[in-house]
PDB file of N, CA and C in Angstrom:
ATOM      1  N   MET A   1     153.109-170.582  -8.650  1.00  0.00           N
ATOM      2  CA  MET A   1     153.744-171.230  -9.642  1.00  0.00           C
ATOM      3  C   MET A   1     155.052-170.878  -9.508  1.00  0.00           C
ATOM      4  N   MET A   2     155.864-171.933  -9.685  1.00  0.00           N
ATOM      5  CA  MET A   2     157.350-172.025  -9.530  1.00  0.00           C
ATOM      6  C   MET A   2     157.975-171.540 -10.735  1.00  0.00           C
ATOM      7  N   LYS A   3     159.150-170.768 -10.708  1.00  0.00           N
ATOM      8  CA  LYS A   3     159.603-170.329 -11.767  1.00  0.00           C
ATOM      9  C   LYS A   3     160.811-171.041 -11.921  1.00  0.00           C
ATOM     10  N   ASN A   4     161.384-171.387 -13.198  1.00  0.00           N
ATOM     11  CA  ASN A   4     162.646-172.179 -13.218  1.00  0.00           C
ATOM     12  C   ASN A   4     163.663-171.167 -13.170  1.00  0.00           C
ATOM     13  N   ALA A   5     163.602-169.448 -13.748  1.00  0.00           N
ATOM     14  CA  ALA A   5     164.518-168.794 -13.477  1.00  0.00           C
ATOM     15  C   ALA A   5     164.167-167.719 -12.967  1.00  0.00           C
ATOM     16  N   ILE A   6     164.885-167.089 -12.072  1.00  0.00           N
ATOM     17  CA  ILE A   6     164.488-165.722 -11.406  1.00  0.00           C
ATOM     18  C   ILE A   6     165.666-164.964 -11.540  1.00  0.00           C
ATOM     19  N   HIS A   7     165.592-163.692 -12.159  1.00  0.00           N
ATOM     20  CA  HIS A   7     166.473-162.732 -12.117  1.00  0.00           C
ATOM     21  C   HIS A   7     166.566-161.893 -10.777  1.00  0.00           C
ATOM     22  N   ARG A   8     167.793-161.814 -10.255  1.00  0.00           N
ATOM     23  CA  ARG A   8     167.873-161.142  -9.018  1.00  0.00           C
ATOM     24  C   ARG A   8     167.043-159.777  -8.879  1.00  0.00           C
ATOM     25  N   ASP A   9     167.102-159.058  -9.734  1.00  0.00           N
ATOM     26  CA  ASP A   9     166.174-157.750  -9.826  1.00  0.00           C
ATOM     27  C   ASP A   9     164.639-157.973  -9.971  1.00  0.00           C
ATOM     28  N   ASP A  10     163.999-158.968 -10.171  1.00  0.00           N
ATOM     29  CA  ASP A  10     162.952-159.259 -10.240  1.00  0.00           C
ATOM     30  C   ASP A  10     162.305-160.304  -9.088  1.00  0.00           C
ATOM     31  N   CYS A  11     163.226-160.609  -8.303  1.00  0.00           N
ATOM     32  CA  CYS A  11     162.770-161.486  -7.092  1.00  0.00           C
ATOM     33  C   CYS A  11     162.124-161.019  -6.280  1.00  0.00           C
ATOM     34  N   GLU A  12     161.473-161.732  -5.231  1.00  0.00           N
ATOM     35  CA  GLU A  12     160.472-160.930  -4.009  1.00  0.00           C
ATOM     36  C   GLU A  12     161.701-160.632  -3.232  1.00  0.00           C
ATOM     37  N   GLU A  13     161.458-159.235  -2.574  1.00  0.00           N
ATOM     38  CA  GLU A  13     162.426-158.786  -1.847  1.00  0.00           C
ATOM     39  C   GLU A  13     161.700-158.552  -0.242  1.00  0.00           C
ATOM     40  N   ILE A  14     162.050-158.766   0.711  1.00  0.00           N
ATOM     41  CA  ILE A  14     160.865-158.687   1.892  1.00  0.00           C
ATOM     42  C   ILE A  14     162.450-158.116   2.785  1.00  0.00           C
ATOM     43  N   ARG A  15     161.749-157.037   3.789  1.00  0.00           N
ATOM     44  CA  ARG A  15     162.565-156.224   4.610  1.00  0.00           C
ATOM     45  C   ARG A  15     161.802-157.139   5.943  1.00  0.00           C
ATOM     46  N   ILE A  16     162.563-157.804   6.738  1.00  0.00           N
ATOM     47  CA  ILE A  16     162.279-158.495   8.011  1.00  0.00           C
ATOM     48  C   ILE A  16     162.544-157.764   8.957  1.00  0.00           C
ATOM     49  N   THR A  17     161.786-158.216  10.163  1.00  0.00           N
ATOM     50  CA  THR A  17     162.157-157.385  11.571  1.00  0.00           C
ATOM     51  C   THR A  17     162.180-158.393  12.702  1.00  0.00           C
ATOM     52  N   GLN A  18     161.927-159.704  12.327  1.00  0.00           N
ATOM     53  CA  GLN A  18     161.986-160.703  13.190  1.00  0.00           C
ATOM     54  C   GLN A  18     162.399-161.975  12.460  1.00  0.00           C
ATOM     55  N   VAL A  19     162.881-162.981  13.422  1.00  0.00           N
ATOM     56  CA  VAL A  19     163.005-164.269  12.502  1.00  0.00           C
ATOM     57  C   VAL A  19     162.478-165.430  13.682  1.00  0.00           C
ATOM     58  N   GLU A  20     161.885-166.485  13.522  1.00  0.00           N
ATOM     59  CA  GLU A  20     161.290-167.575  14.558  1.00  0.00           C
ATOM     60  C   GLU A  20     160.673-166.780  15.607  1.00  0.00           C
ATOM     61  N   GLY A  21     159.639-165.700  15.300  1.00  0.00           N
ATOM     62  CA  GLY A  21     159.290-164.684  16.249  1.00  0.00           C
ATOM     63  C   GLY A  21     160.026-163.873  17.217  1.00  0.00           C
ATOM     64  N   HIS A  22     161.499-163.879  16.901  1.00  0.00           N
ATOM     65  CA  HIS A  22     162.249-163.287  17.970  1.00  0.00           C
ATOM     66  C   HIS A  22     162.718-161.819  17.040  1.00  0.00           C
ATOM     67  N   PRO A  23     162.387-160.686  17.573  1.00  0.00           N
ATOM     68  CA  PRO A  23     162.699-159.495  17.050  1.00  0.00           C
ATOM     69  C   PRO A  23     164.162-159.102  16.789  1.00  0.00           C
ATOM     70  N   LEU A  24     164.540-158.325  15.433  1.00  0.00           N
ATOM     71  CA  LEU A  24     165.773-157.951  15.033  1.00  0.00           C
ATOM     72  C   LEU A  24     165.845-156.553  15.698  1.00  0.00           C
ATOM     73  N   SER A  25     166.942-156.055  15.950  1.00  0.00           N
ATOM     74  CA  SER A  25     167.230-154.753  16.390  1.00  0.00           C
ATOM     75  C   SER A  25     167.070-153.619  15.399  1.00  0.00           C
ATOM     76  N   ARG A  26     167.462-154.162  13.995  1.00  0.00           N
ATOM     77  CA  ARG A  26     167.279-153.317  12.889  1.00  0.00           C
ATOM     78  C   ARG A  26     166.929-154.288  11.867  1.00  0.00           C
ATOM     79  N   HIS A  27     166.199-153.745  10.877  1.00  0.00           N
ATOM     80  CA  HIS A  27     165.639-154.964   9.691  1.00  0.00           C
ATOM     81  C   HIS A  27     166.710-155.193   9.046  1.00  0.00           C
ATOM     82  N   ALA A  28     166.688-156.489   8.363  1.00  0.00           N
ATOM     83  CA  ALA A  28     167.621-157.113   7.496  1.00  0.00           C
ATOM     84  C   ALA A  28     166.527-157.144   6.072  1.00  0.00           C
ATOM     85  N   LEU A  29     167.380-157.621   5.151  1.00  0.00           N
ATOM     86  CA  LEU A  29     166.857-157.960   3.741  1.00  0.00           C
ATOM     87  C   LEU A  29     166.870-159.243   3.207  1.00  0.00           C
ATOM     88  N   ILE A  30     165.576-159.745   2.958  1.00  0.00           N
ATOM     89  CA  ILE A  30     165.777-161.368   2.376  1.00  0.00           C
ATOM     90  C   ILE A  30     165.556-160.887   0.975  1.00  0.00           C
ATOM     91  N   ARG A  31     165.929-161.624  -0.082  1.00  0.00           N
ATOM     92  CA  ARG A  31     165.727-161.686  -1.360  1.00  0.00           C
ATOM     93  C   ARG A  31     165.480-163.472  -1.745  1.00  0.00           C
ATOM     94  N   VAL A  32     164.104-163.868  -2.156  1.00  0.00           N
ATOM     95  CA  VAL A  32     163.889-165.174  -2.370  1.00  0.00           C
ATOM     96  C   VAL A  32     164.414-165.232  -3.768  1.00  0.00           C
ATOM     97  N   LEU A  33     165.384-166.179  -3.990  1.00  0.00           N
ATOM     98  CA  LEU A  33     165.818-166.690  -5.355  1.00  0.00           C
ATOM     99  C   LEU A  33     165.595-167.626  -6.043  1.00  0.00           C
ATOM    100  N   GLY A  34     164.899-168.523  -5.398  1.00  0.00           N
ATOM    101  CA  GLY A  34     164.443-169.978  -5.640  1.00  0.00           C
ATOM    102  C   GLY A  34     163.679-170.614  -4.653  1.00  0.00           C
ATOM    103  N   GLU A  35     162.269-170.925  -4.990  1.00  0.00           N
ATOM    104  CA  GLU A  35     161.726-171.828  -4.133  1.00  0.00           C
ATOM    105  C   GLU A  35     160.913-172.907  -4.750  1.00  0.00           C
ATOM    106  N   GLY A  36     161.225-174.201  -4.467  1.00  0.00           N
ATOM    107  CA  GLY A  36     160.519-175.437  -4.871  1.00  0.00           C
ATOM    108  C   GLY A  36     159.747-176.239  -3.784  1.00  0.00           C
ATOM    109  N   GLN A  37     159.481-177.586  -4.257  1.00  0.00           N
ATOM    110  CA  GLN A  37     158.672-178.194  -2.962  1.00  0.00           C
ATOM    111  C   GLN A  37     159.327-178.532  -2.191  1.00  0.00           C
ATOM    112  N   ASN A  38     160.966-178.777  -2.276  1.00  0.00           N
ATOM    113  CA  ASN A  38     161.696-179.447  -1.089  1.00  0.00           C
ATOM    114  C   ASN A  38     162.766-178.349  -0.845  1.00  0.00           C
ATOM    115  N   MET A  39     162.948-177.090  -1.295  1.00  0.00           N
ATOM    116  CA  MET A  39     163.831-176.391  -0.968  1.00  0.00           C
ATOM    117  C   MET A  39     163.621-174.896  -1.263  1.00  0.00           C
ATOM    118  N   LEU A  40     164.449-173.894  -0.415  1.00  0.00           N
ATOM    119  CA  LEU A  40     164.021-172.564  -0.407  1.00  0.00           C
ATOM    120  C   LEU A  40     165.521-171.909  -0.494  1.00  0.00           C
ATOM    121  N   MET A  41     166.117-171.105  -1.411  1.00  0.00           N
ATOM    122  CA  MET A  41     167.062-170.440  -1.287  1.00  0.00           C
ATOM    123  C   MET A  41     166.802-168.872  -1.374  1.00  0.00           C
ATOM    124  N   VAL A  42     167.545-168.195  -0.451  1.00  0.00           N
ATOM    125  CA  VAL A  42     167.376-166.946  -0.387  1.00  0.00           C
ATOM    126  C   VAL A  42     168.712-166.062  -0.165  1.00  0.00           C
ATOM    127  N   GLU A  43     168.890-165.022  -0.322  1.00  0.00           N
ATOM    128  CA  GLU A  43     170.053-163.986  -0.066  1.00  0.00           C
ATOM    129  C   GLU A  43     169.592-163.095   0.831  1.00  0.00           C
ATOM    130  N   VAL A  44     170.447-163.076   2.057  1.00  0.00           N
ATOM    131  CA  VAL A  44     170.206-162.408   3.148  1.00  0.00           C
ATOM    132  C   VAL A  44     171.238-161.393   3.304  1.00  0.00           C
ATOM    133  N   THR A  45     171.017-159.983   3.307  1.00  0.00           N
ATOM    134  CA  THR A  45     171.748-158.610   3.686  1.00  0.00           C
ATOM    135  C   THR A  45     171.360-158.279   4.850  1.00  0.00           C
ATOM    136  N   MET A  46     172.614-158.272   5.888  1.00  0.00           N
ATOM    137  CA  MET A  46     172.348-157.460   7.005  1.00  0.00           C
ATOM    138  C   MET A  46     173.538-156.619   7.499  1.00  0.00           C
ATOM    139  N   PRO A  47     172.878-155.343   7.786  1.00  0.00           N
ATOM    140  CA  PRO A  47     173.802-154.337   7.973  1.00  0.00           C
ATOM    141  C   PRO A  47     174.899-154.568   9.331  1.00  0.00           C
ATOM    142  N   ALA A  48     175.984-153.812   9.384  1.00  0.00           N
ATOM    143  CA  ALA A  48     177.048-153.977   9.900  1.00  0.00           C
ATOM    144  C   ALA A  48     176.364-153.997  11.422  1.00  0.00           C
ATOM    145  N   GLY A  49     177.010-154.840  12.329  1.00  0.00           N
ATOM    146  CA  GLY A  49     176.523-154.829  13.721  1.00  0.00           C
ATOM    147  C   GLY A  49     175.728-155.484  13.894  1.00  0.00           C
ATOM    148  N   GLN A  50     174.557-155.711  12.949  1.00  0.00           N
ATOM    149  CA  GLN A  50     173.185-156.402  12.984  1.00  0.00           C
ATOM    150  C   GLN A  50     173.426-157.809  13.591  1.00  0.00           C
ATOM    151  N   SER A  51     172.543-158.419  14.405  1.00  0.00           N
ATOM    152  CA  SER A  51     172.693-159.894  14.423  1.00  0.00           C
ATOM    153  C   SER A  51     171.134-160.209  14.569  1.00  0.00           C
ATOM    154  N   SER A  52     171.212-161.768  14.124  1.00  0.00           N
ATOM    155  CA  SER A  52     169.939-162.309  14.536  1.00  0.00           C
ATOM    156  C   SER A  52     169.764-162.925  15.902  1.00  0.00           C
ATOM    157  N   PRO A  53     168.667-162.892  16.550  1.00  0.00           N
ATOM    158  CA  PRO A  53     168.696-163.419  17.786  1.00  0.00           C
ATOM    159  C   PRO A  53     168.948-164.845  17.722  1.00  0.00           C
ATOM    160  N   GLN A  54     169.452-165.484  18.854  1.00  0.00           N
ATOM    161  CA  GLN A  54     169.453-166.930  18.941  1.00  0.00           C
ATOM    162  C   GLN A  54     168.131-167.572  18.700  1.00  0.00           C
ATOM    163  N   HIS A  55     168.003-168.585  17.715  1.00  0.00           N
ATOM    164  CA  HIS A  55     166.880-169.270  17.249  1.00  0.00           C
ATOM    165  C   HIS A  55     166.913-170.589  16.644  1.00  0.00           C
ATOM    166  N   VAL A  56     166.014-171.340  16.630  1.00  0.00           N
ATOM    167  CA  VAL A  56     166.297-172.795  16.463  1.00  0.00           C
ATOM    168  C   VAL A  56     164.989-173.255  15.219  1.00  0.00           C
ATOM    169  N   HIS A  57     165.571-173.815  14.396  1.00  0.00           N
ATOM    170  CA  HIS A  57     164.434-174.405  13.293  1.00  0.00           C
ATOM    171  C   HIS A  57     164.149-175.751  13.374  1.00  0.00           C
ATOM    172  N   ASP A  58     163.169-176.190  12.517  1.00  0.00           N
ATOM    173  CA  ASP A  58     162.485-177.434  12.305  1.00  0.00           C
ATOM    174  C   ASP A  58     162.932-177.992  11.036  1.00  0.00           C
ATOM    175  N   HIS A  59     164.103-177.313  10.389  1.00  0.00           N
ATOM    176  CA  HIS A  59     164.482-177.729   9.100  1.00  0.00           C
ATOM    177  C   HIS A  59     165.969-177.338   8.924  1.00  0.00           C
ATOM    178  N   GLU A  60     166.435-177.775   8.060  1.00  0.00           N
ATOM    179  CA  GLU A  60     168.206-177.688   7.794  1.00  0.00           C
ATOM    180  C   GLU A  60     168.253-176.646   6.920  1.00  0.00           C
ATOM    181  N   SER A  61     169.280-175.756   7.403  1.00  0.00           N
ATOM    182  CA  SER A  61     169.681-174.718   6.388  1.00  0.00           C
ATOM    183  C   SER A  61     171.240-174.790   6.458  1.00  0.00           C
ATOM    184  N   VAL A  62     171.665-174.533   5.070  1.00  0.00           N
ATOM    185  CA  VAL A  62     173.138-174.601   4.737  1.00  0.00           C
ATOM    186  C   VAL A  62     173.274-173.329   3.950  1.00  0.00           C
ATOM    187  N   GLY A  63     174.072-172.589   4.185  1.00  0.00           N
ATOM    188  CA  GLY A  63     174.650-171.421   3.701  1.00  0.00           C
ATOM    189  C   GLY A  63     176.058-171.071   3.085  1.00  0.00           C
ATOM    190  N   TYR A  64     176.121-169.793   2.444  1.00  0.00           N
ATOM    191  CA  TYR A  64     177.729-169.465   1.963  1.00  0.00           C
ATOM    192  C   TYR A  64     177.637-167.864   2.015  1.00  0.00           C
ATOM    193  N   VAL A  65     178.796-167.572   2.380  1.00  0.00           N
ATOM    194  CA  VAL A  65     179.000-166.052   2.762  1.00  0.00           C
ATOM    195  C   VAL A  65     179.565-165.428   1.499  1.00  0.00           C
ATOM    196  N   VAL A  66     178.829-164.679   0.760  1.00  0.00           N
ATOM    197  CA  VAL A  66     179.215-163.959  -0.500  1.00  0.00           C
ATOM    198  C   VAL A  66     180.142-162.725  -0.238  1.00  0.00           C
ATOM    199  N   ARG A  67     179.586-161.876   0.795  1.00  0.00           N
ATOM    200  CA  ARG A  67     180.307-160.464   0.836  1.00  0.00           C
ATOM    201  C   ARG A  67     180.329-160.095   2.537  1.00  0.00           C
ATOM    202  N   GLY A  68     181.273-159.628   3.091  1.00  0.00           N
ATOM    203  CA  GLY A  68     181.637-159.320   4.464  1.00  0.00           C
ATOM    204  C   GLY A  68     182.040-160.332   5.391  1.00  0.00           C
ATOM    205  N   ARG A  69     182.020-159.881   6.769  1.00  0.00           N
ATOM    206  CA  ARG A  69     182.308-161.228   7.595  1.00  0.00           C
ATOM    207  C   ARG A  69     181.501-161.241   8.557  1.00  0.00           C
ATOM    208  N   VAL A  70     180.964-162.471   9.041  1.00  0.00           N
ATOM    209  CA  VAL A  70     180.063-163.159   9.738  1.00  0.00           C
ATOM    210  C   VAL A  70     180.556-163.630  11.187  1.00  0.00           C
ATOM    211  N   SER A  71     180.221-163.487  12.294  1.00  0.00           N
ATOM    212  CA  SER A  71     180.076-164.209  13.302  1.00  0.00           C
ATOM    213  C   SER A  71     179.107-165.137  13.761  1.00  0.00           C
ATOM    214  N   MET A  72     179.339-166.427  13.745  1.00  0.00           N
ATOM    215  CA  MET A  72     178.249-167.369  13.649  1.00  0.00           C
ATOM    216  C   MET A  72     178.176-168.513  14.903  1.00  0.00           C
ATOM    217  N   THR A  73     177.232-168.507  15.769  1.00  0.00           N
ATOM    218  CA  THR A  73     177.134-169.351  16.600  1.00  0.00           C
ATOM    219  C   THR A  73     176.247-170.492  16.448  1.00  0.00           C
ATOM    220  N   VAL A  74     176.572-171.687  16.577  1.00  0.00           N
ATOM    221  CA  VAL A  74     175.758-172.790  16.282  1.00  0.00           C
ATOM    222  C   VAL A  74     176.054-173.641  17.720  1.00  0.00           C
ATOM    223  N   GLY A  75     174.896-173.654  18.519  1.00  0.00           N
ATOM    224  CA  GLY A  75     175.145-174.514  19.826  1.00  0.00           C
ATOM    225  C   GLY A  75     176.224-173.532  20.697  1.00  0.00           C
ATOM    226  N   GLU A  76     177.129-174.196  20.914  1.00  0.00           N
ATOM    227  CA  GLU A  76     178.104-173.810  21.948  1.00  0.00           C
ATOM    228  C   GLU A  76     179.404-173.230  21.070  1.00  0.00           C
ATOM    229  N   VAL A  77     179.583-173.259  19.876  1.00  0.00           N
ATOM    230  CA  VAL A  77     180.672-173.078  18.910  1.00  0.00           C
ATOM    231  C   VAL A  77     180.528-171.926  18.290  1.00  0.00           C
ATOM    232  N   THR A  78     181.274-170.789  18.305  1.00  0.00           N
ATOM    233  CA  THR A  78     181.330-169.491  17.535  1.00  0.00           C
ATOM    234  C   THR A  78     182.542-169.540  16.605  1.00  0.00           C
ATOM    235  N   SER A  79     182.075-169.236  15.309  1.00  0.00           N
ATOM    236  CA  SER A  79     182.892-169.218  14.158  1.00  0.00           C
ATOM    237  C   SER A  79     183.075-168.047  13.601  1.00  0.00           C
ATOM    238  N   GLN A  80     184.323-167.571  12.925  1.00  0.00           N
ATOM    239  CA  GLN A  80     184.287-166.336  12.058  1.00  0.00           C
ATOM    240  C   GLN A  80     184.415-166.668  10.561  1.00  0.00           C
ATOM    241  N   LEU A  81     183.442-166.246   9.719  1.00  0.00           N
ATOM    242  CA  LEU A  81     183.306-166.630   8.479  1.00  0.00           C
ATOM    243  C   LEU A  81     183.713-165.421   7.502  1.00  0.00           C
ATOM    244  N   GLY A  82     183.951-165.532   6.298  1.00  0.00           N
ATOM    245  CA  GLY A  82     184.131-164.711   5.519  1.00  0.00           C
ATOM    246  C   GLY A  82     183.853-165.253   4.072  1.00  0.00           C
ATOM    247  N   PRO A  83     183.794-164.436   2.834  1.00  0.00           N
ATOM    248  CA  PRO A  83     183.525-164.657   1.699  1.00  0.00           C
ATOM    249  C   PRO A  83     184.150-166.043   1.318  1.00  0.00           C
ATOM    250  N   GLY A  84     183.480-166.893   0.611  1.00  0.00           N
ATOM    251  CA  GLY A  84     183.604-168.248   0.162  1.00  0.00           C
ATOM    252  C   GLY A  84     183.637-169.189   1.286  1.00  0.00           C
ATOM    253  N   ASP A  85     183.263-168.875   2.594  1.00  0.00           N
ATOM    254  CA  ASP A  85     183.103-169.903   3.731  1.00  0.00           C
ATOM    255  C   ASP A  85     181.521-170.304   3.779  1.00  0.00           C
ATOM    256  N   GLY A  86     181.200-171.533   4.034  1.00  0.00           N
ATOM    257  CA  GLY A  86     179.811-172.187   4.243  1.00  0.00           C
ATOM    258  C   GLY A  86     179.768-172.338   5.568  1.00  0.00           C
ATOM    259  N   PHE A  87     178.403-172.817   5.885  1.00  0.00           N
ATOM    260  CA  PHE A  87     177.943-172.987   7.050  1.00  0.00           C
ATOM    261  C   PHE A  87     176.529-174.005   7.289  1.00  0.00           C
ATOM    262  N   LEU A  88     176.411-174.633   8.311  1.00  0.00           N
ATOM    263  CA  LEU A  88     175.078-175.624   8.609  1.00  0.00           C
ATOM    264  C   LEU A  88     174.583-175.228   9.767  1.00  0.00           C
ATOM    265  N   HIS A  89     173.085-175.182   9.592  1.00  0.00           N
ATOM    266  CA  HIS A  89     172.611-175.060  10.936  1.00  0.00           C
ATOM    267  C   HIS A  89     171.568-176.361  10.908  1.00  0.00           C
ATOM    268  N   PRO A  90     172.073-177.277  11.838  1.00  0.00           N
ATOM    269  CA  PRO A  90     171.163-178.494  11.823  1.00  0.00           C
ATOM    270  C   PRO A  90     170.009-178.481  12.369  1.00  0.00           C
ATOM    271  N   ILE A  91     168.960-178.931  12.237  1.00  0.00           N
ATOM    272  CA  ILE A  91     167.404-178.940  12.991  1.00  0.00           C
ATOM    273  C   ILE A  91     167.701-178.964  14.264  1.00  0.00           C
ATOM    274  N   GLY A  92     166.775-178.324  14.988  1.00  0.00           N
ATOM    275  CA  GLY A  92     166.691-178.187  16.351  1.00  0.00           C
ATOM    276  C   GLY A  92     167.896-177.745  17.215  1.00  0.00           C
ATOM    277  N   VAL A  93     169.164-177.349  16.491  1.00  0.00           N
ATOM    278  CA  VAL A  93     170.041-176.525  17.298  1.00  0.00           C
ATOM    279  C   VAL A  93     169.929-175.078  17.135  1.00  0.00           C
ATOM    280  N   TYR A  94     170.273-174.325  18.374  1.00  0.00           N
ATOM    281  CA  TYR A  94     170.122-172.879  18.435  1.00  0.00           C
ATOM    282  C   TYR A  94     171.368-172.263  17.870  1.00  0.00           C
ATOM    283  N   HIS A  95     171.291-171.244  16.978  1.00  0.00           N
ATOM    284  CA  HIS A  95     171.959-170.661  15.982  1.00  0.00           C
ATOM    285  C   HIS A  95     171.782-169.061  15.974  1.00  0.00           C
ATOM    286  N   SER A  96     172.922-168.335  15.875  1.00  0.00           N
ATOM    287  CA  SER A  96     172.583-166.857  15.602  1.00  0.00           C
ATOM    288  C   SER A  96     173.810-166.409  14.484  1.00  0.00           C
ATOM    289  N   LEU A  97     173.819-165.465  13.972  1.00  0.00           N
ATOM    290  CA  LEU A  97     174.718-164.953  13.025  1.00  0.00           C
ATOM    291  C   LEU A  97     174.742-163.199  13.396  1.00  0.00           C
ATOM    292  N   ARG A  98     175.921-162.873  12.990  1.00  0.00           N
ATOM    293  CA  ARG A  98     175.955-161.343  13.375  1.00  0.00           C
ATOM    294  C   ARG A  98     176.927-160.747  12.113  1.00  0.00           C
ATOM    295  N   ALA A  99     176.730-159.712  11.316  1.00  0.00           N
ATOM    296  CA  ALA A  99     177.473-159.079  10.408  1.00  0.00           C
ATOM    297  C   ALA A  99     178.469-158.231  11.448  1.00  0.00           C
ATOM    298  N   MET A 100     179.651-158.440  11.064  1.00  0.00           N
ATOM    299  CA  MET A 100     180.694-158.117  11.848  1.00  0.00           C
ATOM    300  C   MET A 100     180.783-156.349  11.477  1.00  0.00           C
ATOM    301  N   ASP A 101     182.034-155.992  10.868  1.00  0.00           N
ATOM    302  CA  ASP A 101     182.432-154.664  10.533  1.00  0.00           C
ATOM    303  C   ASP A 101     181.857-153.903   9.558  1.00  0.00           C
ATOM    304  N   GLU A 102     181.228-154.777   8.583  1.00  0.00           N
ATOM    305  CA  GLU A 102     180.474-154.318   7.243  1.00  0.00           C
ATOM    306  C   GLU A 102     179.216-154.999   7.003  1.00  0.00           C
ATOM    307  N   GLU A 103     178.500-154.481   6.238  1.00  0.00           N
ATOM    308  CA  GLU A 103     177.305-155.405   5.607  1.00  0.00           C
ATOM    309  C   GLU A 103     177.744-156.570   5.350  1.00  0.00           C
ATOM    310  N   ALA A 104     176.926-157.502   5.451  1.00  0.00           N
ATOM    311  CA  ALA A 104     177.377-159.109   5.175  1.00  0.00           C
ATOM    312  C   ALA A 104     175.911-159.395   4.645  1.00  0.00           C
ATOM    313  N   VAL A 105     176.207-160.251   3.059  1.00  0.00           N
ATOM    314  CA  VAL A 105     175.610-160.897   2.452  1.00  0.00           C
ATOM    315  C   VAL A 105     175.947-162.220   2.505  1.00  0.00           C
ATOM    316  N   TRP A 106     174.788-163.066   2.621  1.00  0.00           N
ATOM    317  CA  TRP A 106     174.885-164.607   2.384  1.00  0.00           C
ATOM    318  C   TRP A 106     173.868-165.420   1.623  1.00  0.00           C
ATOM    319  N   LEU A 107     174.061-166.535   1.240  1.00  0.00           N
ATOM    320  CA  LEU A 107     172.870-167.258   0.512  1.00  0.00           C
ATOM    321  C   LEU A 107     172.727-168.145   1.351  1.00  0.00           C
ATOM    322  N   GLU A 108     171.436-168.671   1.638  1.00  0.00           N
ATOM    323  CA  GLU A 108     170.912-169.606   2.752  1.00  0.00           C
ATOM    324  C   GLU A 108     170.047-170.564   1.954  1.00  0.00           C
ATOM    325  N   ILE A 109     170.055-171.875   1.886  1.00  0.00           N
ATOM    326  CA  ILE A 109     169.050-172.885   1.453  1.00  0.00           C
ATOM    327  C   ILE A 109     168.700-173.539   2.617  1.00  0.00           C
ATOM    328  N   LYS A 110     167.147-173.552   2.493  1.00  0.00           N
ATOM    329  CA  LYS A 110     166.564-174.235   3.622  1.00  0.00           C
ATOM    330  C   LYS A 110     165.682-175.328   2.979  1.00  0.00           C
ATOM    331  N   SER A 111     165.703-176.606   3.651  1.00  0.00           N
ATOM    332  CA  SER A 111     164.887-177.765   3.194  1.00  0.00           C
ATOM    333  C   SER A 111     164.331-178.384   4.612  1.00  0.00           C
ATOM    334  N   PRO A 112     163.251-178.713   4.510  1.00  0.00           N
ATOM    335  CA  PRO A 112     161.977-178.399   3.553  1.00  0.00           C
ATOM    336  C   PRO A 112     162.043-176.667   3.693  1.00  0.00           C
ATOM    337  N   PRO A 113     161.247-176.284   2.424  1.00  0.00           N
ATOM    338  CA  PRO A 113     161.350-174.754   2.213  1.00  0.00           C
ATOM    339  C   PRO A 113     160.273-174.045   3.255  1.00  0.00           C
ATOM    340  N   THR A 114     160.967-173.246   4.283  1.00  0.00           N
ATOM    341  CA  THR A 114     160.258-172.628   5.457  1.00  0.00           C
ATOM    342  C   THR A 114     160.675-171.215   5.312  1.00  0.00           C
ATOM    343  N   ARG A 115     159.720-170.180   5.338  1.00  0.00           N
ATOM    344  CA  ARG A 115     159.789-168.961   5.562  1.00  0.00           C
ATOM    345  C   ARG A 115     159.806-168.436   7.254  1.00  0.00           C
ATOM    346  N   THR A 116     160.762-168.251   7.845  1.00  0.00           N
ATOM    347  CA  THR A 116     160.843-168.154   9.026  1.00  0.00           C
ATOM    348  C   THR A 116     161.140-166.818   9.816  1.00  0.00           C
ATOM    349  N   TRP A 117     160.883-165.782   8.742  1.00  0.00           N
ATOM    350  CA  TRP A 117     160.966-164.433   9.133  1.00  0.00           C
ATOM    351  C   TRP A 117     159.458-163.550   8.718  1.00  0.00           C
ATOM    352  N   ARG A 118     159.692-162.328   9.435  1.00  0.00           N
ATOM    353  CA  ARG A 118     158.210-161.279   9.138  1.00  0.00           C
ATOM    354  C   ARG A 118     158.779-160.141   8.826  1.00  0.00           C
TER     355      ARG A 118
END
């Protein structure tokens, strides 16, 4: 059953060790903040120096950096992002993110809603 309101302290919290079948060197934390029929919103917390392996999705993701600095590569382009910056991971394009000098937190919305972690 879908909830219309989810308080952060009550949301589903998942420690992930891989994304799209690719292992992480350390775990990251996902909080499911909202999930509907057409989209999923998560909060991702990644420890300093941790990165996701290059991976590709069959869905679109847009995101917003809340805290920390992130190095993101989409295709052949690498960008440095900080609080207030947004991003797009297009369908079928390889990408990765790395928390730089401190823990990083970002919001990510996936459409259609797809849980790509374990």
